[in-house]
Protein backbone atom coordinates (compact mmCIF):
# COMPACT_ATOMS: atom_id res chain seq x y z
CA UNK A 1 173.72 -18.21 -13.29
CA UNK A 2 175.27 -20.44 -16.14
CA UNK A 3 178.96 -21.26 -14.79
CA UNK A 4 179.10 -23.54 -18.45
CA UNK A 5 178.33 -21.99 -21.19
CA UNK A 6 179.21 -25.01 -23.93
CA UNK A 7 176.89 -27.73 -22.17
CA UNK A 8 174.05 -24.76 -20.62
CA UNK A 9 174.87 -25.85 -16.70
CA UNK A 10 174.16 -23.37 -13.84
CA UNK A 11 175.79 -22.93 -11.15
CA UNK A 12 172.40 -24.42 -9.02
CA UNK A 13 172.79 -27.03 -11.64
CA UNK A 14 176.58 -27.88 -9.55
CA UNK A 15 175.14 -27.57 -6.11
CA UNK A 16 172.33 -29.93 -6.84
CA UNK A 17 174.82 -32.36 -8.02
CA UNK A 18 177.46 -32.19 -5.01
CA UNK A 19 173.53 -32.66 -2.52
CA UNK A 20 173.71 -36.11 -4.72
CA UNK A 21 176.61 -36.15 -3.65
CA UNK A 22 179.78 -35.03 -6.15
CA UNK A 23 182.71 -34.52 -5.17
CA UNK A 24 184.67 -33.46 -7.56
CA UNK A 25 185.39 -32.35 -10.80
CA UNK A 26 185.27 -35.52 -12.67
CA UNK A 27 182.57 -36.51 -10.59
CA UNK A 28 180.65 -33.08 -11.80
CA UNK A 29 181.86 -34.36 -15.53
CA UNK A 30 180.35 -36.87 -15.59
CA UNK A 31 177.12 -36.05 -14.06
CA UNK A 32 176.41 -32.49 -15.44
CA UNK A 33 178.40 -31.92 -18.80
CA UNK A 34 180.40 -29.57 -17.05
CA UNK A 35 184.13 -29.23 -17.70
CA UNK A 36 183.47 -31.80 -20.49
CA UNK A 37 184.21 -29.52 -23.70
CA UNK A 38 186.35 -26.21 -23.78
CA UNK A 39 186.57 -26.62 -19.98
CA UNK A 40 187.58 -22.87 -19.08
CA UNK A 41 184.44 -22.97 -16.50
CA UNK A 42 186.86 -26.07 -14.69
CA UNK A 43 187.93 -23.13 -11.85
CA UNK A 44 184.19 -21.52 -11.57
CA UNK A 45 182.95 -24.73 -11.50
CA UNK A 46 185.16 -25.86 -8.87
CA UNK A 47 184.46 -23.47 -6.30
CA UNK A 48 180.64 -23.37 -6.70
CA UNK A 49 181.43 -27.49 -5.80
CA UNK A 50 183.93 -26.52 -2.79
CA UNK A 51 181.77 -24.17 -1.99
CA UNK A 52 178.86 -26.32 -1.62
CA UNK A 53 180.41 -29.39 -0.42
CA UNK A 54 182.36 -26.28 2.37
CA UNK A 55 178.18 -25.57 3.51
CA UNK A 56 177.66 -28.90 4.19
CA UNK A 57 180.56 -29.63 5.90
CA UNK A 58 182.31 -32.31 4.09
CA UNK A 59 186.06 -30.16 4.15
CA UNK A 60 187.82 -30.49 8.07
CA UNK A 61 189.67 -27.26 9.23
CA UNK A 62 192.60 -27.81 7.08
CA UNK A 63 190.60 -27.85 4.09
CA UNK A 64 190.64 -32.35 3.71
CA UNK A 65 187.42 -33.52 1.96
CA UNK A 66 185.77 -35.48 4.56
CA UNK A 67 182.98 -37.65 4.01
CA UNK A 68 180.16 -36.33 6.91
């Protein structure tokens, strides 16, 4: 599913970026271009990124990012 229509970035693109080490929106923007034009996709892009990082066990029990 497209998350960023302006740049043509899908949820899978965001997941792949997370698998490659992206951990925040700034890095995601540099890697994929998502959130780089109108910015309306930022909340959804961030949610997909966070969900993927949680799946990768990068978040500890209190929700802080930990680089495991």
